[in-house]
PDB file of N, CA and C in Angstrom:
ATOM      1  N   UNK A   1       0.820  -1.160  -0.041  1.00  0.00           N
ATOM      2  CA  UNK A   1      -0.025  -0.008  -0.004  1.00  0.00           C
ATOM      3  C   UNK A   1       0.863   1.284  -0.058  1.00  0.00           C
ATOM      4  N   UNK A   2       1.958   1.241   0.812  1.00  0.00           N
ATOM      5  CA  UNK A   2       2.836   2.442   0.846  1.00  0.00           C
ATOM      6  C   UNK A   2       3.460   2.713  -0.542  1.00  0.00           C
ATOM      7  N   UNK A   3       3.895   1.751  -1.245  1.00  0.00           N
ATOM      8  CA  UNK A   3       4.586   1.953  -2.488  1.00  0.00           C
ATOM      9  C   UNK A   3       3.604   2.589  -3.486  1.00  0.00           C
ATOM     10  N   UNK A   4       2.330   2.175  -3.409  1.00  0.00           N
ATOM     11  CA  UNK A   4       1.334   2.731  -4.334  1.00  0.00           C
ATOM     12  C   UNK A   4       1.173   4.239  -4.003  1.00  0.00           C
ATOM     13  N   UNK A   5       1.081   4.601  -2.735  1.00  0.00           N
ATOM     14  CA  UNK A   5       0.996   6.016  -2.312  1.00  0.00           C
ATOM     15  C   UNK A   5       2.155   6.792  -2.798  1.00  0.00           C
ATOM     16  N   UNK A   6       3.396   6.233  -2.737  1.00  0.00           N
ATOM     17  CA  UNK A   6       4.532   6.902  -3.208  1.00  0.00           C
ATOM     18  C   UNK A   6       4.485   7.180  -4.743  1.00  0.00           C
ATOM     19  N   UNK A   7       4.040   6.221  -5.432  1.00  0.00           N
ATOM     20  CA  UNK A   7       3.850   6.378  -6.857  1.00  0.00           C
ATOM     21  C   UNK A   7       2.829   7.530  -7.184  1.00  0.00           C
ATOM     22  N   UNK A   8       1.821   7.597  -6.448  1.00  0.00           N
ATOM     23  CA  UNK A   8       0.857   8.687  -6.528  1.00  0.00           C
ATOM     24  C   UNK A   8       1.446   9.977  -6.240  1.00  0.00           C
ATOM     25  N   UNK A   9       2.326  10.069  -5.247  1.00  0.00           N
ATOM     26  CA  UNK A   9       3.024  11.381  -4.915  1.00  0.00           C
ATOM     27  C   UNK A   9       3.873  11.821  -6.096  1.00  0.00           C
ATOM     28  N   UNK A  10       4.496  10.902  -6.807  1.00  0.00           N
ATOM     29  CA  UNK A  10       5.308  11.304  -7.953  1.00  0.00           C
ATOM     30  C   UNK A  10       4.405  11.856  -9.014  1.00  0.00           C
ATOM     31  N   UNK A  11       3.244  11.142  -9.188  1.00  0.00           N
ATOM     32  CA  UNK A  11       2.265  11.606 -10.200  1.00  0.00           C
ATOM     33  C   UNK A  11       1.866  13.087  -9.931  1.00  0.00           C
ATOM     34  N   UNK A  12       1.543  13.348  -8.635  1.00  0.00           N
ATOM     35  CA  UNK A  12       1.105  14.656  -8.253  1.00  0.00           C
ATOM     36  C   UNK A  12       2.262  15.715  -8.492  1.00  0.00           C
ATOM     37  N   UNK A  13       3.492  15.268  -8.200  1.00  0.00           N
ATOM     38  CA  UNK A  13       4.592  16.194  -8.419  1.00  0.00           C
ATOM     39  C   UNK A  13       4.768  16.489  -9.910  1.00  0.00           C
ATOM     40  N   UNK A  14       4.639  15.512 -10.781  1.00  0.00           N
ATOM     41  CA  UNK A  14       4.730  15.739 -12.219  1.00  0.00           C
ATOM     42  C   UNK A  14       3.596  16.607 -12.712  1.00  0.00           C
ATOM     43  N   UNK A  15       2.363  16.457 -12.101  1.00  0.00           N
ATOM     44  CA  UNK A  15       1.256  17.279 -12.490  1.00  0.00           C
ATOM     45  C   UNK A  15       1.592  18.761 -12.066  1.00  0.00           C
ATOM     46  N   UNK A  16       2.229  19.003 -11.003  1.00  0.00           N
ATOM     47  CA  UNK A  16       2.617  20.243 -10.561  1.00  0.00           C
ATOM     48  C   UNK A  16       3.586  20.926 -11.544  1.00  0.00           C
ATOM     49  N   UNK A  17       4.621  20.163 -11.983  1.00  0.00           N
ATOM     50  CA  UNK A  17       5.512  20.692 -12.960  1.00  0.00           C
ATOM     51  C   UNK A  17       4.790  20.958 -14.303  1.00  0.00           C
ATOM     52  N   UNK A  18       3.923  20.081 -14.716  1.00  0.00           N
ATOM     53  CA  UNK A  18       3.158  20.369 -15.921  1.00  0.00           C
ATOM     54  C   UNK A  18       2.329  21.607 -15.752  1.00  0.00           C
ATOM     55  N   UNK A  19       1.722  21.739 -14.638  1.00  0.00           N
ATOM     56  CA  UNK A  19       0.843  22.875 -14.367  1.00  0.00           C
ATOM     57  C   UNK A  19       1.624  24.194 -14.457  1.00  0.00           C
ATOM     58  N   UNK A  20       2.765  24.218 -13.755  1.00  0.00           N
ATOM     59  CA  UNK A  20       3.546  25.494 -13.784  1.00  0.00           C
ATOM     60  C   UNK A  20       4.057  25.843 -15.181  1.00  0.00           C
ATOM     61  N   UNK A  21       4.371  24.865 -15.982  1.00  0.00           N
ATOM     62  CA  UNK A  21       4.897  25.112 -17.336  1.00  0.00           C
ATOM     63  C   UNK A  21       3.799  25.599 -18.269  1.00  0.00           C
ATOM     64  N   UNK A  22       2.534  25.055 -17.986  1.00  0.00           N
ATOM     65  CA  UNK A  22       1.368  25.433 -18.877  1.00  0.00           C
ATOM     66  C   UNK A  22       0.742  26.720 -18.507  1.00  0.00           C
ATOM     67  N   UNK A  23       0.798  27.094 -17.194  1.00  0.00           N
ATOM     68  CA  UNK A  23       0.056  28.290 -16.739  1.00  0.00           C
ATOM     69  C   UNK A  23       0.885  29.520 -16.502  1.00  0.00           C
ATOM     70  N   UNK A  24       2.213  29.271 -16.340  1.00  0.00           N
ATOM     71  CA  UNK A  24       3.072  30.423 -15.984  1.00  0.00           C
ATOM     72  C   UNK A  24       4.036  30.716 -17.017  1.00  0.00           C
ATOM     73  N   UNK A  25       3.800  31.892 -17.792  1.00  0.00           N
ATOM     74  CA  UNK A  25       4.795  32.259 -18.848  1.00  0.00           C
ATOM     75  C   UNK A  25       6.198  32.396 -18.385  1.00  0.00           C
ATOM     76  N   UNK A  26       6.419  32.914 -17.151  1.00  0.00           N
ATOM     77  CA  UNK A  26       7.740  33.109 -16.703  1.00  0.00           C
ATOM     78  C   UNK A  26       8.460  31.788 -16.546  1.00  0.00           C
ATOM     79  N   UNK A  27       7.751  30.727 -16.144  1.00  0.00           N
ATOM     80  CA  UNK A  27       8.356  29.317 -16.042  1.00  0.00           C
ATOM     81  C   UNK A  27       8.810  28.908 -17.405  1.00  0.00           C
ATOM     82  N   UNK A  28       8.028  29.152 -18.451  1.00  0.00           N
ATOM     83  CA  UNK A  28       8.445  28.773 -19.782  1.00  0.00           C
ATOM     84  C   UNK A  28       9.678  29.533 -20.268  1.00  0.00           C
ATOM     85  N   UNK A  29       9.739  30.866 -19.852  1.00  0.00           N
ATOM     86  CA  UNK A  29      10.967  31.626 -20.108  1.00  0.00           C
ATOM     87  C   UNK A  29      12.150  31.034 -19.444  1.00  0.00           C
ATOM     88  N   UNK A  30      12.048  30.596 -18.143  1.00  0.00           N
ATOM     89  CA  UNK A  30      13.110  30.024 -17.476  1.00  0.00           C
ATOM     90  C   UNK A  30      13.557  28.666 -18.098  1.00  0.00           C
ATOM     91  N   UNK A  31      12.533  27.927 -18.570  1.00  0.00           N
ATOM     92  CA  UNK A  31      12.801  26.678 -19.223  1.00  0.00           C
ATOM     93  C   UNK A  31      13.605  26.903 -20.481  1.00  0.00           C
ATOM     94  N   UNK A  32      13.178  27.872 -21.324  1.00  0.00           N
ATOM     95  CA  UNK A  32      13.861  28.145 -22.605  1.00  0.00           C
ATOM     96  C   UNK A  32      15.299  28.585 -22.377  1.00  0.00           C
ATOM     97  N   UNK A  33      15.497  29.479 -21.335  1.00  0.00           N
ATOM     98  CA  UNK A  33      16.881  29.911 -20.989  1.00  0.00           C
ATOM     99  C   UNK A  33      17.745  28.745 -20.500  1.00  0.00           C
ATOM    100  N   UNK A  34      17.080  27.834 -19.701  1.00  0.00           N
ATOM    101  CA  UNK A  34      17.799  26.670 -19.193  1.00  0.00           C
ATOM    102  C   UNK A  34      18.260  25.794 -20.323  1.00  0.00           C
ATOM    103  N   UNK A  35      17.405  25.636 -21.389  1.00  0.00           N
ATOM    104  CA  UNK A  35      17.785  24.763 -22.533  1.00  0.00           C
ATOM    105  C   UNK A  35      18.994  25.419 -23.245  1.00  0.00           C
ATOM    106  N   UNK A  36      18.951  26.796 -23.447  1.00  0.00           N
ATOM    107  CA  UNK A  36      20.033  27.502 -24.009  1.00  0.00           C
ATOM    108  C   UNK A  36      21.332  27.297 -23.221  1.00  0.00           C
ATOM    109  N   UNK A  37      21.267  27.390 -21.962  1.00  0.00           N
ATOM    110  CA  UNK A  37      22.369  27.162 -21.086  1.00  0.00           C
ATOM    111  C   UNK A  37      22.998  25.802 -21.239  1.00  0.00           C
ATOM    112  N   UNK A  38      22.117  24.767 -21.275  1.00  0.00           N
ATOM    113  CA  UNK A  38      22.572  23.389 -21.508  1.00  0.00           C
ATOM    114  C   UNK A  38      23.259  23.238 -22.821  1.00  0.00           C
ATOM    115  N   UNK A  39      22.680  23.782 -23.848  1.00  0.00           N
ATOM    116  CA  UNK A  39      23.291  23.741 -25.186  1.00  0.00           C
ATOM    117  C   UNK A  39      24.671  24.403 -25.199  1.00  0.00           C
ATOM    118  N   UNK A  40      24.797  25.578 -24.594  1.00  0.00           N
ATOM    119  CA  UNK A  40      26.062  26.261 -24.463  1.00  0.00           C
ATOM    120  C   UNK A  40      27.069  25.427 -23.617  1.00  0.00           C
ATOM    121  N   UNK A  41      26.558  24.798 -22.627  1.00  0.00           N
ATOM    122  CA  UNK A  41      27.406  23.937 -21.756  1.00  0.00           C
ATOM    123  C   UNK A  41      28.058  22.814 -22.569  1.00  0.00           C
ATOM    124  N   UNK A  42      27.231  22.140 -23.375  1.00  0.00           N
ATOM    125  CA  UNK A  42      27.734  21.108 -24.216  1.00  0.00           C
ATOM    126  C   UNK A  42      28.708  21.649 -25.341  1.00  0.00           C
ATOM    127  N   UNK A  43      28.298  22.803 -25.887  1.00  0.00           N
ATOM    128  CA  UNK A  43      29.075  23.311 -26.949  1.00  0.00           C
ATOM    129  C   UNK A  43      30.518  23.771 -26.484  1.00  0.00           C
ATOM    130  N   UNK A  44      30.561  24.342 -25.285  1.00  0.00           N
ATOM    131  CA  UNK A  44      31.849  24.791 -24.752  1.00  0.00           C
ATOM    132  C   UNK A  44      32.536  23.673 -23.936  1.00  0.00           C
ATOM    133  N   UNK A  45      31.906  22.533 -23.778  1.00  0.00           N
ATOM    134  CA  UNK A  45      32.452  21.426 -22.990  1.00  0.00           C
ATOM    135  C   UNK A  45      32.902  21.930 -21.602  1.00  0.00           C
ATOM    136  N   UNK A  46      32.041  22.464 -20.851  1.00  0.00           N
ATOM    137  CA  UNK A  46      32.316  23.044 -19.528  1.00  0.00           C
ATOM    138  C   UNK A  46      32.668  21.837 -18.609  1.00  0.00           C
ATOM    139  N   UNK A  47      33.312  22.185 -17.537  1.00  0.00           N
ATOM    140  CA  UNK A  47      33.760  21.199 -16.493  1.00  0.00           C
ATOM    141  C   UNK A  47      32.563  20.735 -15.706  1.00  0.00           C
ATOM    142  N   UNK A  48      32.783  19.599 -14.953  1.00  0.00           N
ATOM    143  CA  UNK A  48      31.757  19.099 -14.086  1.00  0.00           C
ATOM    144  C   UNK A  48      31.408  20.042 -12.993  1.00  0.00           C
ATOM    145  N   UNK A  49      32.404  20.734 -12.438  1.00  0.00           N
ATOM    146  CA  UNK A  49      32.066  21.716 -11.396  1.00  0.00           C
ATOM    147  C   UNK A  49      31.244  22.906 -11.929  1.00  0.00           C
ATOM    148  N   UNK A  50      31.551  23.297 -13.204  1.00  0.00           N
ATOM    149  CA  UNK A  50      30.795  24.368 -13.850  1.00  0.00           C
ATOM    150  C   UNK A  50      29.306  23.883 -14.084  1.00  0.00           C
ATOM    151  N   UNK A  51      29.154  22.638 -14.526  1.00  0.00           N
ATOM    152  CA  UNK A  51      27.760  22.075 -14.678  1.00  0.00           C
ATOM    153  C   UNK A  51      27.045  22.149 -13.347  1.00  0.00           C
ATOM    154  N   UNK A  52      27.682  21.769 -12.241  1.00  0.00           N
ATOM    155  CA  UNK A  52      27.076  21.754 -10.936  1.00  0.00           C
ATOM    156  C   UNK A  52      26.596  23.105 -10.543  1.00  0.00           C
ATOM    157  N   UNK A  53      27.457  24.115 -10.768  1.00  0.00           N
ATOM    158  CA  UNK A  53      27.003  25.485 -10.471  1.00  0.00           C
ATOM    159  C   UNK A  53      25.813  25.953 -11.302  1.00  0.00           C
ATOM    160  N   UNK A  54      25.817  25.617 -12.559  1.00  0.00           N
ATOM    161  CA  UNK A  54      24.765  26.043 -13.488  1.00  0.00           C
ATOM    162  C   UNK A  54      23.485  25.280 -13.124  1.00  0.00           C
ATOM    163  N   UNK A  55      23.522  23.992 -12.912  1.00  0.00           N
ATOM    164  CA  UNK A  55      22.360  23.179 -12.558  1.00  0.00           C
ATOM    165  C   UNK A  55      21.765  23.699 -11.224  1.00  0.00           C
ATOM    166  N   UNK A  56      22.611  23.980 -10.239  1.00  0.00           N
ATOM    167  CA  UNK A  56      22.146  24.506  -8.993  1.00  0.00           C
ATOM    168  C   UNK A  56      21.409  25.811  -9.185  1.00  0.00           C
ATOM    169  N   UNK A  57      21.952  26.731  -9.973  1.00  0.00           N
ATOM    170  CA  UNK A  57      21.366  27.961 -10.238  1.00  0.00           C
ATOM    171  C   UNK A  57      19.987  27.813 -10.921  1.00  0.00           C
ATOM    172  N   UNK A  58      19.947  26.911 -11.953  1.00  0.00           N
ATOM    173  CA  UNK A  58      18.694  26.702 -12.677  1.00  0.00           C
ATOM    174  C   UNK A  58      17.641  26.055 -11.839  1.00  0.00           C
ATOM    175  N   UNK A  59      18.065  25.146 -10.900  1.00  0.00           N
ATOM    176  CA  UNK A  59      17.136  24.516 -10.030  1.00  0.00           C
ATOM    177  C   UNK A  59      16.627  25.525  -9.043  1.00  0.00           C
ATOM    178  N   UNK A  60      17.458  26.444  -8.555  1.00  0.00           N
ATOM    179  CA  UNK A  60      16.972  27.453  -7.592  1.00  0.00           C
ATOM    180  C   UNK A  60      15.925  28.338  -8.231  1.00  0.00           C
ATOM    181  N   UNK A  61      16.129  28.692  -9.428  1.00  0.00           N
ATOM    182  CA  UNK A  61      15.126  29.566 -10.115  1.00  0.00           C
ATOM    183  C   UNK A  61      13.786  28.879 -10.258  1.00  0.00           C
ATOM    184  N   UNK A  62      13.850  27.604 -10.694  1.00  0.00           N
ATOM    185  CA  UNK A  62      12.593  26.853 -10.888  1.00  0.00           C
ATOM    186  C   UNK A  62      11.862  26.627  -9.556  1.00  0.00           C
ATOM    187  N   UNK A  63      12.615  26.260  -8.470  1.00  0.00           N
ATOM    188  CA  UNK A  63      12.023  26.103  -7.169  1.00  0.00           C
ATOM    189  C   UNK A  63      11.360  27.384  -6.689  1.00  0.00           C
ATOM    190  N   UNK A  64      12.108  28.461  -6.884  1.00  0.00           N
ATOM    191  CA  UNK A  64      11.542  29.802  -6.454  1.00  0.00           C
ATOM    192  C   UNK A  64      10.323  30.113  -7.199  1.00  0.00           C
ATOM    193  N   UNK A  65      10.286  29.845  -8.499  1.00  0.00           N
ATOM    194  CA  UNK A  65       9.114  30.079  -9.328  1.00  0.00           C
ATOM    195  C   UNK A  65       7.956  29.228  -8.886  1.00  0.00           C
ATOM    196  N   UNK A  66       8.213  27.997  -8.513  1.00  0.00           N
ATOM    197  CA  UNK A  66       7.128  27.074  -8.133  1.00  0.00           C
ATOM    198  C   UNK A  66       6.584  27.537  -6.820  1.00  0.00           C
ATOM    199  N   UNK A  67       7.488  27.891  -5.826  1.00  0.00           N
ATOM    200  CA  UNK A  67       6.948  28.346  -4.575  1.00  0.00           C
ATOM    201  C   UNK A  67       6.217  29.721  -4.709  1.00  0.00           C
ATOM    202  N   UNK A  68       6.697  30.532  -5.522  1.00  0.00           N
ATOM    203  CA  UNK A  68       6.050  31.816  -5.798  1.00  0.00           C
ATOM    204  C   UNK A  68       4.621  31.584  -6.391  1.00  0.00           C
ATOM    205  N   UNK A  69       4.529  30.683  -7.316  1.00  0.00           N
ATOM    206  CA  UNK A  69       3.197  30.408  -7.884  1.00  0.00           C
ATOM    207  C   UNK A  69       2.263  29.763  -6.824  1.00  0.00           C
ATOM    208  N   UNK A  70       2.831  28.859  -6.063  1.00  0.00           N
ATOM    209  CA  UNK A  70       1.950  28.268  -5.040  1.00  0.00           C
ATOM    210  C   UNK A  70       1.513  29.256  -4.029  1.00  0.00           C
ATOM    211  N   UNK A  71       2.324  30.219  -3.688  1.00  0.00           N
ATOM    212  CA  UNK A  71       1.946  31.293  -2.677  1.00  0.00           C
ATOM    213  C   UNK A  71       0.885  32.180  -3.305  1.00  0.00           C
ATOM    214  N   UNK A  72       1.069  32.474  -4.575  1.00  0.00           N
ATOM    215  CA  UNK A  72       0.077  33.329  -5.313  1.00  0.00           C
ATOM    216  C   UNK A  72      -1.331  32.625  -5.312  1.00  0.00           C
ATOM    217  N   UNK A  73      -1.323  31.398  -5.693  1.00  0.00           N
ATOM    218  CA  UNK A  73      -2.570  30.645  -5.795  1.00  0.00           C
ATOM    219  C   UNK A  73      -3.253  30.565  -4.330  1.00  0.00           C
ATOM    220  N   UNK A  74      -2.386  30.332  -3.365  1.00  0.00           N
ATOM    221  CA  UNK A  74      -2.996  30.290  -2.015  1.00  0.00           C
ATOM    222  C   UNK A  74      -3.585  31.599  -1.558  1.00  0.00           C
ATOM    223  N   UNK A  75      -2.805  32.714  -1.844  1.00  0.00           N
ATOM    224  CA  UNK A  75      -3.297  33.979  -1.440  1.00  0.00           C
ATOM    225  C   UNK A  75      -4.517  34.371  -2.247  1.00  0.00           C
ATOM    226  N   UNK A  76      -4.591  34.060  -3.534  1.00  0.00           N
ATOM    227  CA  UNK A  76      -5.768  34.310  -4.288  1.00  0.00           C
ATOM    228  C   UNK A  76      -6.952  33.538  -3.820  1.00  0.00           C
ATOM    229  N   UNK A  77      -6.704  32.344  -3.291  1.00  0.00           N
ATOM    230  CA  UNK A  77      -7.813  31.512  -2.785  1.00  0.00           C
ATOM    231  C   UNK A  77      -8.402  32.139  -1.490  1.00  0.00           C
ATOM    232  N   UNK A  78      -7.489  32.728  -0.655  1.00  0.00           N
ATOM    233  CA  UNK A  78      -7.908  33.362   0.600  1.00  0.00           C
ATOM    234  C   UNK A  78      -8.758  34.553   0.276  1.00  0.00           C
ATOM    235  N   UNK A  79      -8.327  35.415  -0.547  1.00  0.00           N
ATOM    236  CA  UNK A  79      -9.153  36.604  -0.862  1.00  0.00           C
ATOM    237  C   UNK A  79      -8.625  37.210  -2.177  1.00  0.00           C
ATOM    238  N   UNK A  80      -9.564  37.736  -2.958  1.00  0.00           N
ATOM    239  CA  UNK A  80      -9.211  38.527  -4.159  1.00  0.00           C
ATOM    240  C   UNK A  80      -9.271  40.034  -3.873  1.00  0.00           C
ATOM    241  N   UNK A  81      -9.703  40.379  -2.742  1.00  0.00           N
ATOM    242  CA  UNK A  81      -9.768  41.772  -2.382  1.00  0.00           C
ATOM    243  C   UNK A  81      -8.433  42.346  -2.114  1.00  0.00           C
ATOM    244  N   UNK A  82      -8.256  43.656  -2.201  1.00  0.00           N
ATOM    245  CA  UNK A  82      -7.010  44.318  -1.901  1.00  0.00           C
ATOM    246  C   UNK A  82      -6.685  44.158  -0.479  1.00  0.00           C
ATOM    247  N   UNK A  83      -5.541  43.529  -0.119  1.00  0.00           N
ATOM    248  CA  UNK A  83      -5.140  43.366   1.212  1.00  0.00           C
ATOM    249  C   UNK A  83      -3.664  43.605   1.331  1.00  0.00           C
ATOM    250  N   UNK A  84      -3.242  44.447   2.161  1.00  0.00           N
ATOM    251  CA  UNK A  84      -1.781  44.897   2.229  1.00  0.00           C
ATOM    252  C   UNK A  84      -0.933  43.722   2.560  1.00  0.00           C
ATOM    253  N   UNK A  85      -1.339  42.899   3.525  1.00  0.00           N
ATOM    254  CA  UNK A  85      -0.546  41.807   3.972  1.00  0.00           C
ATOM    255  C   UNK A  85      -0.329  40.738   2.799  1.00  0.00           C
ATOM    256  N   UNK A  86      -1.430  40.512   2.126  1.00  0.00           N
ATOM    257  CA  UNK A  86      -1.314  39.548   1.017  1.00  0.00           C
ATOM    258  C   UNK A  86      -0.461  40.105  -0.113  1.00  0.00           C
ATOM    259  N   UNK A  87      -0.556  41.413  -0.325  1.00  0.00           N
ATOM    260  CA  UNK A  87       0.349  41.981  -1.380  1.00  0.00           C
ATOM    261  C   UNK A  87       1.749  41.935  -0.961  1.00  0.00           C
ATOM    262  N   UNK A  88       2.045  42.122   0.298  1.00  0.00           N
ATOM    263  CA  UNK A  88       3.414  41.952   0.867  1.00  0.00           C
ATOM    264  C   UNK A  88       3.953  40.559   0.687  1.00  0.00           C
ATOM    265  N   UNK A  89       3.118  39.569   0.984  1.00  0.00           N
ATOM    266  CA  UNK A  89       3.495  38.164   0.831  1.00  0.00           C
ATOM    267  C   UNK A  89       3.842  37.888  -0.606  1.00  0.00           C
ATOM    268  N   UNK A  90       2.975  38.244  -1.513  1.00  0.00           N
ATOM    269  CA  UNK A  90       3.171  38.090  -2.951  1.00  0.00           C
ATOM    270  C   UNK A  90       4.500  38.786  -3.420  1.00  0.00           C
ATOM    271  N   UNK A  91       4.708  39.950  -2.906  1.00  0.00           N
ATOM    272  CA  UNK A  91       5.898  40.728  -3.298  1.00  0.00           C
ATOM    273  C   UNK A  91       7.169  40.023  -2.837  1.00  0.00           C
ATOM    274  N   UNK A  92       7.110  39.501  -1.588  1.00  0.00           N
ATOM    275  CA  UNK A  92       8.239  38.753  -1.074  1.00  0.00           C
ATOM    276  C   UNK A  92       8.502  37.462  -1.938  1.00  0.00           C
ATOM    277  N   UNK A  93       7.520  36.766  -2.311  1.00  0.00           N
ATOM    278  CA  UNK A  93       7.662  35.571  -3.020  1.00  0.00           C
ATOM    279  C   UNK A  93       8.199  35.904  -4.436  1.00  0.00           C
ATOM    280  N   UNK A  94       7.777  37.036  -5.005  1.00  0.00           N
ATOM    281  CA  UNK A  94       8.342  37.459  -6.282  1.00  0.00           C
ATOM    282  C   UNK A  94       9.782  37.859  -6.196  1.00  0.00           C
ATOM    283  N   UNK A  95      10.075  38.540  -5.034  1.00  0.00           N
ATOM    284  CA  UNK A  95      11.482  38.884  -4.779  1.00  0.00           C
ATOM    285  C   UNK A  95      12.410  37.720  -4.743  1.00  0.00           C
ATOM    286  N   UNK A  96      11.917  36.580  -4.176  1.00  0.00           N
ATOM    287  CA  UNK A  96      12.725  35.399  -4.076  1.00  0.00           C
ATOM    288  C   UNK A  96      13.061  34.869  -5.531  1.00  0.00           C
ATOM    289  N   UNK A  97      12.133  34.917  -6.418  1.00  0.00           N
ATOM    290  CA  UNK A  97      12.375  34.520  -7.786  1.00  0.00           C
ATOM    291  C   UNK A  97      13.367  35.461  -8.433  1.00  0.00           C
ATOM    292  N   UNK A  98      13.216  36.712  -8.199  1.00  0.00           N
ATOM    293  CA  UNK A  98      14.207  37.727  -8.687  1.00  0.00           C
ATOM    294  C   UNK A  98      15.644  37.477  -8.257  1.00  0.00           C
ATOM    295  N   UNK A  99      15.766  37.270  -6.928  1.00  0.00           N
ATOM    296  CA  UNK A  99      17.068  37.039  -6.355  1.00  0.00           C
ATOM    297  C   UNK A  99      17.692  35.684  -6.936  1.00  0.00           C
ATOM    298  N   UNK A 100      16.870  34.650  -7.094  1.00  0.00           N
ATOM    299  CA  UNK A 100      17.337  33.390  -7.717  1.00  0.00           C
ATOM    300  C   UNK A 100      17.761  33.643  -9.091  1.00  0.00           C
ATOM    301  N   UNK A 101      16.990  34.365  -9.897  1.00  0.00           N
ATOM    302  CA  UNK A 101      17.307  34.603 -11.323  1.00  0.00           C
ATOM    303  C   UNK A 101      18.522  35.470 -11.407  1.00  0.00           C
ATOM    304  N   UNK A 102      18.698  36.457 -10.583  1.00  0.00           N
ATOM    305  CA  UNK A 102      19.951  37.329 -10.647  1.00  0.00           C
ATOM    306  C   UNK A 102      21.112  36.429 -10.310  1.00  0.00           C
ATOM    307  N   UNK A 103      21.026  35.550  -9.344  1.00  0.00           N
ATOM    308  CA  UNK A 103      22.060  34.620  -8.975  1.00  0.00           C
ATOM    309  C   UNK A 103      22.438  33.702 -10.216  1.00  0.00           C
ATOM    310  N   UNK A 104      21.398  33.247 -10.904  1.00  0.00           N
ATOM    311  CA  UNK A 104      21.604  32.372 -12.068  1.00  0.00           C
ATOM    312  C   UNK A 104      22.340  33.134 -13.179  1.00  0.00           C
ATOM    313  N   UNK A 105      21.932  34.361 -13.374  1.00  0.00           N
ATOM    314  CA  UNK A 105      22.603  35.209 -14.476  1.00  0.00           C
ATOM    315  C   UNK A 105      24.055  35.352 -14.100  1.00  0.00           C
ATOM    316  N   UNK A 106      24.350  35.703 -12.837  1.00  0.00           N
ATOM    317  CA  UNK A 106      25.717  35.952 -12.420  1.00  0.00           C
ATOM    318  C   UNK A 106      26.475  34.688 -12.577  1.00  0.00           C
ATOM    319  N   UNK A 107      25.913  33.559 -12.177  1.00  0.00           N
ATOM    320  CA  UNK A 107      26.602  32.290 -12.296  1.00  0.00           C
ATOM    321  C   UNK A 107      26.877  31.960 -13.798  1.00  0.00           C
ATOM    322  N   UNK A 108      25.877  32.227 -14.666  1.00  0.00           N
ATOM    323  CA  UNK A 108      26.146  31.931 -16.097  1.00  0.00           C
ATOM    324  C   UNK A 108      27.196  32.808 -16.641  1.00  0.00           C
ATOM    325  N   UNK A 109      27.178  34.104 -16.247  1.00  0.00           N
ATOM    326  CA  UNK A 109      28.289  34.989 -16.776  1.00  0.00           C
ATOM    327  C   UNK A 109      29.625  34.472 -16.286  1.00  0.00           C
ATOM    328  N   UNK A 110      29.791  34.177 -15.029  1.00  0.00           N
ATOM    329  CA  UNK A 110      31.065  33.729 -14.528  1.00  0.00           C
ATOM    330  C   UNK A 110      31.502  32.421 -15.167  1.00  0.00           C
ATOM    331  N   UNK A 111      30.571  31.503 -15.444  1.00  0.00           N
ATOM    332  CA  UNK A 111      30.949  30.266 -16.103  1.00  0.00           C
ATOM    333  C   UNK A 111      31.345  30.475 -17.558  1.00  0.00           C
ATOM    334  N   UNK A 112      30.456  31.182 -18.339  1.00  0.00           N
ATOM    335  CA  UNK A 112      30.651  31.270 -19.757  1.00  0.00           C
ATOM    336  C   UNK A 112      31.608  32.416 -20.240  1.00  0.00           C
ATOM    337  N   UNK A 113      31.859  33.382 -19.460  1.00  0.00           N
ATOM    338  CA  UNK A 113      32.754  34.549 -19.827  1.00  0.00           C
ATOM    339  C   UNK A 113      34.126  34.048 -20.383  1.00  0.00           C
ATOM    340  N   UNK A 114      34.788  33.192 -19.671  1.00  0.00           N
ATOM    341  CA  UNK A 114      36.125  32.761 -20.229  1.00  0.00           C
ATOM    342  C   UNK A 114      36.016  32.033 -21.608  1.00  0.00           C
ATOM    343  N   UNK A 115      34.896  31.343 -21.782  1.00  0.00           N
ATOM    344  CA  UNK A 115      34.719  30.606 -23.077  1.00  0.00           C
ATOM    345  C   UNK A 115      34.378  31.566 -24.236  1.00  0.00           C
ATOM    346  N   UNK A 116      33.612  32.556 -23.954  1.00  0.00           N
ATOM    347  CA  UNK A 116      33.139  33.478 -25.006  1.00  0.00           C
ATOM    348  C   UNK A 116      34.149  34.573 -25.334  1.00  0.00           C
ATOM    349  N   UNK A 117      34.848  35.054 -24.284  1.00  0.00           N
ATOM    350  CA  UNK A 117      35.835  36.151 -24.487  1.00  0.00           C
ATOM    351  C   UNK A 117      37.204  35.674 -24.292  1.00  0.00           C
TER     352      UNK A 117
END
């Protein structure tokens, strides 16, 4: 019985990934940029440690985007009325995505700069 529940939990997780990619344009932008980074990584034959840094940065952005979306859905479920606290919560979640994305850009620049220039 437990193994069946575990399989269901994976199914729900994949549904979440599908949901964010279908409903959130920013997630699709992150995915497209990630594909470009992977292509550049293979093209320049970057090192294993460089791959680890890039993959960590990409994962951080996707996780932040997923959490941001979950927080937005939950806040919208609570109320659609103007509420300062909910606005602050949404702003903080969006800031987390921005910080992760800036970290990813800096990581990408540091990794690819020597290969490009």
